[in-house]
PDB file of N, CA and C in Angstrom:
ATOM      1  N   MET A   1       0.847  -1.185   0.000  1.00  0.00           N
ATOM      2  CA  MET A   1       0.000   0.000   0.000  1.00  0.00           C
ATOM      3  C   MET A   1       0.891   1.248   0.000  1.00  0.00           C
ATOM      4  N   LYS A   2       0.613   2.158  -0.894  1.00  0.00           N
ATOM      5  CA  LYS A   2       1.412   3.366  -1.027  1.00  0.00           C
ATOM      6  C   LYS A   2       1.030   4.370   0.059  1.00  0.00           C
ATOM      7  N   ALA A   3       2.032   5.000   0.660  1.00  0.00           N
ATOM      8  CA  ALA A   3       1.790   6.026   1.673  1.00  0.00           C
ATOM      9  C   ALA A   3       1.145   7.238   1.013  1.00  0.00           C
ATOM     10  N   LYS A   4       0.220   7.850   1.728  1.00  0.00           N
ATOM     11  CA  LYS A   4      -0.469   9.028   1.210  1.00  0.00           C
ATOM     12  C   LYS A   4       0.137  10.282   1.827  1.00  0.00           C
ATOM     13  N   SER A   5       0.669  11.130   0.978  1.00  0.00           N
ATOM     14  CA  SER A   5       1.272  12.383   1.415  1.00  0.00           C
ATOM     15  C   SER A   5       0.228  13.254   2.105  1.00  0.00           C
ATOM     16  N   ARG A   6       0.652  13.946   3.140  1.00  0.00           N
ATOM     17  CA  ARG A   6      -0.232  14.888   3.832  1.00  0.00           C
ATOM     18  C   ARG A   6      -0.083  16.260   3.166  1.00  0.00           C
ATOM     19  N   ASP A   7      -0.784  16.433   2.053  1.00  0.00           N
ATOM     20  CA  ASP A   7      -0.684  17.671   1.281  1.00  0.00           C
ATOM     21  C   ASP A   7      -1.064  18.891   2.113  1.00  0.00           C
ATOM     22  N   TRP A   8      -2.024  18.726   3.018  1.00  0.00           N
ATOM     23  CA  TRP A   8      -2.448  19.841   3.864  1.00  0.00           C
ATOM     24  C   TRP A   8      -1.297  20.322   4.740  1.00  0.00           C
ATOM     25  N   LEU A   9      -0.441  19.400   5.178  1.00  0.00           N
ATOM     26  CA  LEU A   9       0.699  19.766   6.015  1.00  0.00           C
ATOM     27  C   LEU A   9       1.764  20.478   5.182  1.00  0.00           C
ATOM     28  N   ILE A  10       1.967  20.007   3.975  1.00  0.00           N
ATOM     29  CA  ILE A  10       2.926  20.647   3.068  1.00  0.00           C
ATOM     30  C   ILE A  10       2.476  22.084   2.785  1.00  0.00           C
ATOM     31  N   LYS A  11       1.182  22.265   2.580  1.00  0.00           N
ATOM     32  CA  LYS A  11       0.645  23.604   2.314  1.00  0.00           C
ATOM     33  C   LYS A  11       0.832  24.513   3.531  1.00  0.00           C
ATOM     34  N   LEU A  12       0.570  23.978   4.727  1.00  0.00           N
ATOM     35  CA  LEU A  12       0.750  24.779   5.942  1.00  0.00           C
ATOM     36  C   LEU A  12       2.215  25.140   6.175  1.00  0.00           C
ATOM     37  N   ARG A  13       3.123  24.280   5.754  1.00  0.00           N
ATOM     38  CA  ARG A  13       4.555  24.542   5.919  1.00  0.00           C
ATOM     39  C   ARG A  13       4.986  25.745   5.097  1.00  0.00           C
ATOM     40  N   GLY A  14       4.322  25.962   3.964  1.00  0.00           N
ATOM     41  CA  GLY A  14       4.609  27.128   3.131  1.00  0.00           C
ATOM     42  C   GLY A  14       6.050  27.172   2.664  1.00  0.00           C
ATOM     43  N   ASN A  15       6.706  28.296   2.901  1.00  0.00           N
ATOM     44  CA  ASN A  15       8.082  28.493   2.444  1.00  0.00           C
ATOM     45  C   ASN A  15       9.131  27.960   3.417  1.00  0.00           C
ATOM     46  N   LEU A  16       8.689  27.425   4.539  1.00  0.00           N
ATOM     47  CA  LEU A  16       9.635  26.859   5.497  1.00  0.00           C
ATOM     48  C   LEU A  16      10.167  25.527   4.966  1.00  0.00           C
ATOM     49  N   THR A  17      11.398  25.215   5.316  1.00  0.00           N
ATOM     50  CA  THR A  17      11.944  23.907   4.948  1.00  0.00           C
ATOM     51  C   THR A  17      11.478  22.870   5.970  1.00  0.00           C
ATOM     52  N   GLN A  18      11.603  21.613   5.608  1.00  0.00           N
ATOM     53  CA  GLN A  18      11.295  20.545   6.558  1.00  0.00           C
ATOM     54  C   GLN A  18      12.202  20.659   7.776  1.00  0.00           C
ATOM     55  N   GLN A  19      13.446  21.010   7.571  1.00  0.00           N
ATOM     56  CA  GLN A  19      14.389  21.169   8.684  1.00  0.00           C
ATOM     57  C   GLN A  19      13.946  22.279   9.625  1.00  0.00           C
ATOM     58  N   GLN A  20      13.480  23.399   9.071  1.00  0.00           N
ATOM     59  CA  GLN A  20      13.039  24.506   9.915  1.00  0.00           C
ATOM     60  C   GLN A  20      11.843  24.095  10.774  1.00  0.00           C
ATOM     61  N   VAL A  21      10.882  23.400  10.186  1.00  0.00           N
ATOM     62  CA  VAL A  21       9.711  22.953  10.955  1.00  0.00           C
ATOM     63  C   VAL A  21      10.139  21.945  12.014  1.00  0.00           C
ATOM     64  N   ALA A  22      10.999  21.016  11.637  1.00  0.00           N
ATOM     65  CA  ALA A  22      11.491  20.027  12.596  1.00  0.00           C
ATOM     66  C   ALA A  22      12.197  20.713  13.761  1.00  0.00           C
ATOM     67  N   ASP A  23      13.017  21.702  13.484  1.00  0.00           N
ATOM     68  CA  ASP A  23      13.705  22.444  14.541  1.00  0.00           C
ATOM     69  C   ASP A  23      12.698  23.158  15.442  1.00  0.00           C
ATOM     70  N   MET A  24      11.698  23.783  14.851  1.00  0.00           N
ATOM     71  CA  MET A  24      10.681  24.493  15.626  1.00  0.00           C
ATOM     72  C   MET A  24       9.891  23.535  16.513  1.00  0.00           C
ATOM     73  N   ALA A  25       9.686  22.317  16.031  1.00  0.00           N
ATOM     74  CA  ALA A  25       8.918  21.318  16.773  1.00  0.00           C
ATOM     75  C   ALA A  25       9.806  20.452  17.663  1.00  0.00           C
ATOM     76  N   ASN A  26      11.113  20.664  17.587  1.00  0.00           N
ATOM     77  CA  ASN A  26      12.084  19.904  18.375  1.00  0.00           C
ATOM     78  C   ASN A  26      12.011  18.396  18.102  1.00  0.00           C
ATOM     79  N   ILE A  27      11.912  18.068  16.810  1.00  0.00           N
ATOM     80  CA  ILE A  27      11.941  16.673  16.362  1.00  0.00           C
ATOM     81  C   ILE A  27      12.972  16.570  15.237  1.00  0.00           C
ATOM     82  N   SER A  28      13.341  15.356  14.876  1.00  0.00           N
ATOM     83  CA  SER A  28      14.326  15.206  13.800  1.00  0.00           C
ATOM     84  C   SER A  28      13.678  15.490  12.444  1.00  0.00           C
ATOM     85  N   ARG A  29      14.518  15.936  11.505  1.00  0.00           N
ATOM     86  CA  ARG A  29      14.005  16.205  10.165  1.00  0.00           C
ATOM     87  C   ARG A  29      13.481  14.933   9.520  1.00  0.00           C
ATOM     88  N   SER A  30      14.162  13.813   9.728  1.00  0.00           N
ATOM     89  CA  SER A  30      13.714  12.564   9.108  1.00  0.00           C
ATOM     90  C   SER A  30      12.342  12.133   9.645  1.00  0.00           C
ATOM     91  N   TYR A  31      12.105  12.347  10.939  1.00  0.00           N
ATOM     92  CA  TYR A  31      10.800  12.021  11.523  1.00  0.00           C
ATOM     93  C   TYR A  31       9.729  12.930  10.920  1.00  0.00           C
ATOM     94  N   TYR A  32      10.022  14.238  10.854  1.00  0.00           N
ATOM     95  CA  TYR A  32       9.060  15.175  10.259  1.00  0.00           C
ATOM     96  C   TYR A  32       8.777  14.811   8.806  1.00  0.00           C
ATOM     97  N   THR A  33       9.819  14.505   8.044  1.00  0.00           N
ATOM     98  CA  THR A  33       9.643  14.138   6.638  1.00  0.00           C
ATOM     99  C   THR A  33       8.745  12.909   6.518  1.00  0.00           C
ATOM    100  N   GLY A  34       8.961  11.927   7.368  1.00  0.00           N
ATOM    101  CA  GLY A  34       8.123  10.728   7.365  1.00  0.00           C
ATOM    102  C   GLY A  34       6.668  11.044   7.656  1.00  0.00           C
ATOM    103  N   ILE A  35       6.445  11.965   8.573  1.00  0.00           N
ATOM    104  CA  ILE A  35       5.068  12.380   8.894  1.00  0.00           C
ATOM    105  C   ILE A  35       4.453  13.081   7.695  1.00  0.00           C
ATOM    106  N   GLU A  36       5.197  14.002   7.105  1.00  0.00           N
ATOM    107  CA  GLU A  36       4.686  14.787   5.980  1.00  0.00           C
ATOM    108  C   GLU A  36       4.379  13.907   4.766  1.00  0.00           C
ATOM    109  N   THR A  37       5.213  12.919   4.519  1.00  0.00           N
ATOM    110  CA  THR A  37       5.013  12.057   3.355  1.00  0.00           C
ATOM    111  C   THR A  37       4.026  10.925   3.614  1.00  0.00           C
ATOM    112  N   GLY A  38       3.610  10.779   4.872  1.00  0.00           N
ATOM    113  CA  GLY A  38       2.644   9.742   5.200  1.00  0.00           C
ATOM    114  C   GLY A  38       3.270   8.397   5.523  1.00  0.00           C
ATOM    115  N   LEU A  39       4.595   8.327   5.561  1.00  0.00           N
ATOM    116  CA  LEU A  39       5.273   7.074   5.905  1.00  0.00           C
ATOM    117  C   LEU A  39       5.263   6.816   7.405  1.00  0.00           C
ATOM    118  N   ARG A  40       5.094   7.880   8.199  1.00  0.00           N
ATOM    119  CA  ARG A  40       5.048   7.772   9.656  1.00  0.00           C
ATOM    120  C   ARG A  40       3.813   8.485  10.163  1.00  0.00           C
ATOM    121  N   ASN A  41       3.315   8.046  11.300  1.00  0.00           N
ATOM    122  CA  ASN A  41       2.246   8.755  11.990  1.00  0.00           C
ATOM    123  C   ASN A  41       2.861   9.570  13.109  1.00  0.00           C
ATOM    124  N   ALA A  42       2.303  10.734  13.345  1.00  0.00           N
ATOM    125  CA  ALA A  42       2.803  11.600  14.407  1.00  0.00           C
ATOM    126  C   ALA A  42       2.336  11.078  15.757  1.00  0.00           C
ATOM    127  N   SER A  43       3.224  11.098  16.733  1.00  0.00           N
ATOM    128  CA  SER A  43       2.819  10.836  18.110  1.00  0.00           C
ATOM    129  C   SER A  43       2.019  12.049  18.579  1.00  0.00           C
ATOM    130  N   VAL A  44       1.330  11.918  19.686  1.00  0.00           N
ATOM    131  CA  VAL A  44       0.573  13.049  20.225  1.00  0.00           C
ATOM    132  C   VAL A  44       1.514  14.215  20.509  1.00  0.00           C
ATOM    133  N   SER A  45       2.650  13.938  21.127  1.00  0.00           N
ATOM    134  CA  SER A  45       3.574  15.032  21.457  1.00  0.00           C
ATOM    135  C   SER A  45       4.133  15.697  20.194  1.00  0.00           C
ATOM    136  N   ALA A  46       4.449  14.906  19.173  1.00  0.00           N
ATOM    137  CA  ALA A  46       4.945  15.484  17.919  1.00  0.00           C
ATOM    138  C   ALA A  46       3.837  16.272  17.219  1.00  0.00           C
ATOM    139  N   ALA A  47       2.628  15.747  17.237  1.00  0.00           N
ATOM    140  CA  ALA A  47       1.496  16.455  16.616  1.00  0.00           C
ATOM    141  C   ALA A  47       1.278  17.802  17.286  1.00  0.00           C
ATOM    142  N   LYS A  48       1.347  17.820  18.610  1.00  0.00           N
ATOM    143  CA  LYS A  48       1.178  19.083  19.341  1.00  0.00           C
ATOM    144  C   LYS A  48       2.284  20.068  18.992  1.00  0.00           C
ATOM    145  N   ALA A  49       3.518  19.579  18.922  1.00  0.00           N
ATOM    146  CA  ALA A  49       4.652  20.458  18.621  1.00  0.00           C
ATOM    147  C   ALA A  49       4.578  21.000  17.198  1.00  0.00           C
ATOM    148  N   ILE A  50       4.225  20.166  16.247  1.00  0.00           N
ATOM    149  CA  ILE A  50       4.105  20.613  14.856  1.00  0.00           C
ATOM    150  C   ILE A  50       2.935  21.587  14.729  1.00  0.00           C
ATOM    151  N   GLY A  51       1.823  21.269  15.383  1.00  0.00           N
ATOM    152  CA  GLY A  51       0.670  22.166  15.367  1.00  0.00           C
ATOM    153  C   GLY A  51       1.011  23.537  15.921  1.00  0.00           C
ATOM    154  N   GLN A  52       1.763  23.565  17.012  1.00  0.00           N
ATOM    155  CA  GLN A  52       2.168  24.840  17.595  1.00  0.00           C
ATOM    156  C   GLN A  52       3.122  25.580  16.660  1.00  0.00           C
ATOM    157  N   ALA A  53       4.048  24.846  16.056  1.00  0.00           N
ATOM    158  CA  ALA A  53       5.028  25.470  15.156  1.00  0.00           C
ATOM    159  C   ALA A  53       4.361  26.080  13.926  1.00  0.00           C
ATOM    160  N   LEU A  54       3.342  25.400  13.396  1.00  0.00           N
ATOM    161  CA  LEU A  54       2.697  25.862  12.160  1.00  0.00           C
ATOM    162  C   LEU A  54       1.320  26.492  12.400  1.00  0.00           C
ATOM    163  N   ASN A  55       0.959  26.638  13.676  1.00  0.00           N
ATOM    164  CA  ASN A  55      -0.270  27.338  14.057  1.00  0.00           C
ATOM    165  C   ASN A  55      -1.536  26.675  13.523  1.00  0.00           C
ATOM    166  N   PHE A  56      -1.710  25.386  13.827  1.00  0.00           N
ATOM    167  CA  PHE A  56      -2.959  24.697  13.519  1.00  0.00           C
ATOM    168  C   PHE A  56      -3.288  23.750  14.652  1.00  0.00           C
ATOM    169  N   LYS A  57      -4.530  23.291  14.690  1.00  0.00           N
ATOM    170  CA  LYS A  57      -4.990  22.399  15.750  1.00  0.00           C
ATOM    171  C   LYS A  57      -4.363  21.010  15.549  1.00  0.00           C
ATOM    172  N   TRP A  58      -3.590  20.567  16.529  1.00  0.00           N
ATOM    173  CA  TRP A  58      -2.821  19.326  16.430  1.00  0.00           C
ATOM    174  C   TRP A  58      -3.679  18.093  16.191  1.00  0.00           C
ATOM    175  N   THR A  59      -4.936  18.127  16.565  1.00  0.00           N
ATOM    176  CA  THR A  59      -5.809  16.962  16.389  1.00  0.00           C
ATOM    177  C   THR A  59      -6.092  16.678  14.917  1.00  0.00           C
ATOM    178  N   LYS A  60      -5.745  17.600  14.041  1.00  0.00           N
ATOM    179  CA  LYS A  60      -5.948  17.386  12.600  1.00  0.00           C
ATOM    180  C   LYS A  60      -5.245  16.114  12.128  1.00  0.00           C
ATOM    181  N   PHE A  61      -4.112  15.780  12.711  1.00  0.00           N
ATOM    182  CA  PHE A  61      -3.419  14.551  12.338  1.00  0.00           C
ATOM    183  C   PHE A  61      -4.313  13.330  12.558  1.00  0.00           C
ATOM    184  N   PHE A  62      -5.045  13.333  13.630  1.00  0.00           N
ATOM    185  CA  PHE A  62      -5.841  12.172  13.996  1.00  0.00           C
ATOM    186  C   PHE A  62      -7.217  12.195  13.342  1.00  0.00           C
ATOM    187  N   GLU A  63      -7.734  13.374  13.047  1.00  0.00           N
ATOM    188  CA  GLU A  63      -8.978  13.489  12.285  1.00  0.00           C
ATOM    189  C   GLU A  63      -8.757  12.941  10.888  1.00  0.00           C
ATOM    190  N   ASP A  64      -7.605  13.234  10.321  1.00  0.00           N
ATOM    191  CA  ASP A  64      -7.235  12.745   8.991  1.00  0.00           C
ATOM    192  C   ASP A  64      -7.240  11.217   8.980  1.00  0.00           C
ATOM    193  N   GLU A  65      -6.667  10.616  10.005  1.00  0.00           N
ATOM    194  CA  GLU A  65      -6.620   9.160  10.087  1.00  0.00           C
ATOM    195  C   GLU A  65      -8.017   8.569  10.213  1.00  0.00           C
ATOM    196  N   CYS A  66      -8.879   9.191  11.000  1.00  0.00           N
ATOM    197  CA  CYS A  66     -10.239   8.683  11.190  1.00  0.00           C
ATOM    198  C   CYS A  66     -11.021   8.721   9.886  1.00  0.00           C
ATOM    199  N   HIS A  67     -10.875   9.794   9.125  1.00  0.00           N
ATOM    200  CA  HIS A  67     -11.615   9.912   7.869  1.00  0.00           C
ATOM    201  C   HIS A  67     -11.169   8.874   6.854  1.00  0.00           C
ATOM    202  N   LYS A  68      -9.899   8.486   6.905  1.00  0.00           N
ATOM    203  CA  LYS A  68      -9.396   7.505   5.949  1.00  0.00           C
ATOM    204  C   LYS A  68      -9.857   6.096   6.287  1.00  0.00           C
ATOM    205  N   THR A  69     -10.092   5.825   7.570  1.00  0.00           N
ATOM    206  CA  THR A  69     -10.381   4.444   7.945  1.00  0.00           C
ATOM    207  C   THR A  69     -11.850   4.171   8.199  1.00  0.00           C
ATOM    208  N   HIS A  70     -12.661   5.199   8.406  1.00  0.00           N
ATOM    209  CA  HIS A  70     -14.081   4.986   8.704  1.00  0.00           C
ATOM    210  C   HIS A  70     -14.839   4.632   7.427  1.00  0.00           C
ATOM    211  N   GLN A  71     -15.515   3.515   7.483  1.00  0.00           N
ATOM    212  CA  GLN A  71     -16.323   3.073   6.356  1.00  0.00           C
ATOM    213  C   GLN A  71     -17.767   2.989   6.827  1.00  0.00           C
ATOM    214  N   PRO A  72     -18.676   3.795   6.280  1.00  0.00           N
ATOM    215  CA  PRO A  72     -20.069   3.728   6.697  1.00  0.00           C
ATOM    216  C   PRO A  72     -20.651   2.332   6.471  1.00  0.00           C
ATOM    217  N   THR A  73     -21.446   1.897   7.408  1.00  0.00           N
ATOM    218  CA  THR A  73     -22.059   0.573   7.287  1.00  0.00           C
ATOM    219  C   THR A  73     -23.496   0.652   6.829  1.00  0.00           C
ATOM    220  N   GLY A  74     -24.019   1.873   6.787  1.00  0.00           N
ATOM    221  CA  GLY A  74     -25.416   2.034   6.419  1.00  0.00           C
ATOM    222  C   GLY A  74     -26.354   1.904   7.606  1.00  0.00           C
ATOM    223  N   THR A  75     -25.810   1.614   8.780  1.00  0.00           N
ATOM    224  CA  THR A  75     -26.642   1.458   9.966  1.00  0.00           C
ATOM    225  C   THR A  75     -26.472   2.598  10.941  1.00  0.00           C
ATOM    226  N   GLU A  76     -25.678   3.655  10.587  1.00  0.00           N
ATOM    227  CA  GLU A  76     -25.505   4.776  11.474  1.00  0.00           C
ATOM    228  C   GLU A  76     -26.835   5.477  11.698  1.00  0.00           C
ATOM    229  N   GLY A  77     -27.055   5.895  12.930  1.00  0.00           N
ATOM    230  CA  GLY A  77     -28.268   6.640  13.249  1.00  0.00           C
ATOM    231  C   GLY A  77     -29.472   5.778  13.530  1.00  0.00           C
ATOM    232  N   ARG A  78     -29.323   4.488  13.514  1.00  0.00           N
ATOM    233  CA  ARG A  78     -30.462   3.616  13.826  1.00  0.00           C
ATOM    234  C   ARG A  78     -30.521   3.298  15.280  1.00  0.00           C
TER     235      ARG A  78
END
């Protein structure tokens, strides 16, 4: 299965380099790159640090995961 890039994160990064964001979040560049490319999932602490560095709600990492894995069964709301 091919990893899905987090395009929304790349857009939020803007003109900053991956290294600059990693430094701001106090994580390694390779870890940040893995998160951005979808090869790694962010830990809660990394999500919070990246969210603070790029000024977005850190829970977006986990909302993204929920939307990808939730499959309606047709029985919701019954």
